[in-house]
N, C-alpha and C. Protein backbone atom coordinates (compact mmCIF):
# COMPACT_ATOMS: atom_id res chain seq x y z
N MET A 1 -30.59 -0.37 17.65
CA MET A 1 -30.71 -0.77 18.48
C MET A 1 -29.06 -1.14 19.16
N ALA A 2 -29.16 -0.67 20.68
CA ALA A 2 -27.82 -0.55 21.40
C ALA A 2 -27.48 -2.09 21.58
N LYS A 3 -26.27 -2.18 20.92
CA LYS A 3 -25.24 -3.56 21.33
C LYS A 3 -24.61 -3.41 22.72
N ILE A 4 -24.82 -4.58 23.58
CA ILE A 4 -24.77 -4.73 24.73
C ILE A 4 -22.41 -4.83 24.55
N TYR A 5 -22.04 -4.35 25.04
CA TYR A 5 -20.63 -4.41 25.03
C TYR A 5 -19.70 -4.86 26.36
N SER A 6 -20.60 -5.13 27.42
CA SER A 6 -20.32 -5.53 28.16
C SER A 6 -20.23 -7.22 28.54
N LYS A 7 -21.36 -7.91 28.18
CA LYS A 7 -20.60 -9.45 27.89
C LYS A 7 -19.57 -9.62 27.12
N LYS A 8 -19.16 -10.81 28.03
CA LYS A 8 -17.99 -11.44 27.41
C LYS A 8 -18.48 -12.38 26.24
N THR A 9 -17.46 -12.43 25.41
CA THR A 9 -17.43 -13.02 23.92
C THR A 9 -17.12 -14.65 24.04
N LEU A 10 -17.22 -15.80 23.61
CA LEU A 10 -16.66 -16.73 23.47
C LEU A 10 -15.81 -17.46 22.68
N ALA A 11 -15.00 -16.28 22.53
CA ALA A 11 -13.83 -16.56 21.87
C ALA A 11 -12.66 -17.38 22.42
N THR A 12 -12.61 -17.94 23.39
CA THR A 12 -11.78 -18.63 24.51
C THR A 12 -11.51 -19.48 24.32
N ASN A 13 -11.14 -20.42 22.54
CA ASN A 13 -10.64 -21.55 22.41
C ASN A 13 -9.06 -21.27 22.02
N ALA A 14 -8.07 -22.25 22.59
CA ALA A 14 -6.90 -22.44 23.03
C ALA A 14 -6.07 -22.78 21.53
N LEU A 15 -5.20 -21.84 20.87
CA LEU A 15 -4.77 -21.99 19.47
C LEU A 15 -3.89 -22.79 19.45
N LYS A 16 -3.75 -24.13 18.98
CA LYS A 16 -2.48 -24.68 18.78
C LYS A 16 -1.92 -25.29 17.44
N PRO A 17 -1.07 -24.46 17.48
CA PRO A 17 -0.21 -24.69 15.68
C PRO A 17 -0.15 -26.06 15.41
N LYS A 18 0.72 -26.80 14.36
CA LYS A 18 0.69 -27.52 14.27
C LYS A 18 2.52 -27.79 14.61
N LYS A 19 3.14 -29.33 14.37
CA LYS A 19 4.47 -29.15 14.72
C LYS A 19 5.10 -28.44 13.47
N GLU A 20 4.40 -28.78 12.46
CA GLU A 20 5.37 -28.36 10.78
C GLU A 20 5.12 -26.89 11.45
N THR A 21 4.12 -26.27 11.54
CA THR A 21 4.36 -24.40 11.47
C THR A 21 5.25 -23.98 12.56
N ILE A 22 5.60 -24.45 13.94
CA ILE A 22 6.23 -24.38 14.68
C ILE A 22 7.78 -24.55 14.00
N SER A 23 7.94 -25.85 13.46
CA SER A 23 9.09 -26.00 12.87
C SER A 23 9.89 -25.67 11.84
N PHE A 24 8.79 -24.87 11.05
CA PHE A 24 8.78 -23.35 10.05
C PHE A 24 9.26 -22.46 10.70
N LEU A 25 8.95 -21.81 11.42
CA LEU A 25 9.06 -20.76 12.19
C LEU A 25 10.37 -20.73 12.76
N LEU A 26 10.67 -21.70 13.67
CA LEU A 26 12.01 -21.67 14.54
C LEU A 26 13.05 -21.93 12.97
N ASN A 27 12.80 -22.56 12.57
CA ASN A 27 13.94 -22.39 11.00
C ASN A 27 13.80 -21.40 10.03
N TYR A 28 13.06 -20.72 10.05
CA TYR A 28 13.13 -19.29 9.69
C TYR A 28 13.78 -18.40 10.31
N SER A 29 13.95 -18.48 11.66
CA SER A 29 14.38 -17.25 12.62
C SER A 29 15.90 -17.75 12.66
N LYS A 30 16.20 -18.97 12.34
CA LYS A 30 17.63 -19.78 12.90
C LYS A 30 18.05 -18.68 11.63
N ALA A 31 17.57 -18.79 10.10
CA ALA A 31 18.20 -18.29 8.87
C ALA A 31 18.43 -17.05 8.81
N LEU A 32 17.49 -16.27 9.20
CA LEU A 32 17.22 -15.11 8.73
C LEU A 32 18.43 -14.21 9.66
N SER A 33 19.13 -13.44 9.56
CA SER A 33 19.94 -12.40 9.29
C SER A 33 19.80 -10.85 8.66
N ILE A 34 20.11 -9.66 10.13
CA ILE A 34 19.54 -8.42 9.64
C ILE A 34 20.90 -8.07 9.63
N ILE A 35 21.58 -7.15 9.08
CA ILE A 35 22.55 -6.40 8.96
C ILE A 35 22.38 -4.79 8.56
N LYS A 36 22.63 -4.31 9.49
CA LYS A 36 22.69 -2.43 9.90
C LYS A 36 23.79 -1.96 8.85
N LEU A 37 23.31 -1.07 8.13
CA LEU A 37 24.22 -0.46 7.44
C LEU A 37 23.78 1.05 7.00
N ASN A 38 24.49 1.91 7.59
CA ASN A 38 23.81 3.08 7.11
C ASN A 38 22.64 3.45 7.25
N ASN A 39 21.81 3.41 8.39
CA ASN A 39 20.40 3.57 8.82
C ASN A 39 19.56 3.08 8.18
N LYS A 40 20.23 1.90 7.60
CA LYS A 40 19.50 0.57 6.50
C LYS A 40 19.32 -0.68 7.23
N ASN A 41 18.40 -1.86 7.36
CA ASN A 41 18.68 -3.16 7.52
C ASN A 41 18.27 -3.65 6.25
N PHE A 42 19.34 -4.74 6.51
CA PHE A 42 19.47 -5.63 5.30
C PHE A 42 18.87 -6.91 5.79
N GLU A 43 17.92 -7.59 5.42
CA GLU A 43 17.48 -9.26 5.85
C GLU A 43 17.91 -10.25 5.14
N ILE A 44 18.50 -11.08 5.41
CA ILE A 44 19.36 -12.11 4.83
C ILE A 44 18.66 -13.23 5.17
N ILE A 45 18.58 -14.15 4.35
CA ILE A 45 17.62 -15.39 4.81
C ILE A 45 18.73 -16.03 4.05
N ALA A 46 19.79 -16.97 4.91
CA ALA A 46 20.42 -18.11 4.40
C ALA A 46 20.38 -19.64 4.17
N ASN A 47 19.38 -20.19 2.94
CA ASN A 47 18.72 -21.22 2.84
C ASN A 47 19.31 -21.79 1.72
């Protein structure tokens, strides 16, 4: 059977993350520091 790909899917639900998730990601990005040394990257999390 041929599948019809021209129809739009109904997956248009807006994703709303929890406040805890947003807080975790912001704190993680603040604590993360990347040091480049001799063509290598070192990721350090200061927590």
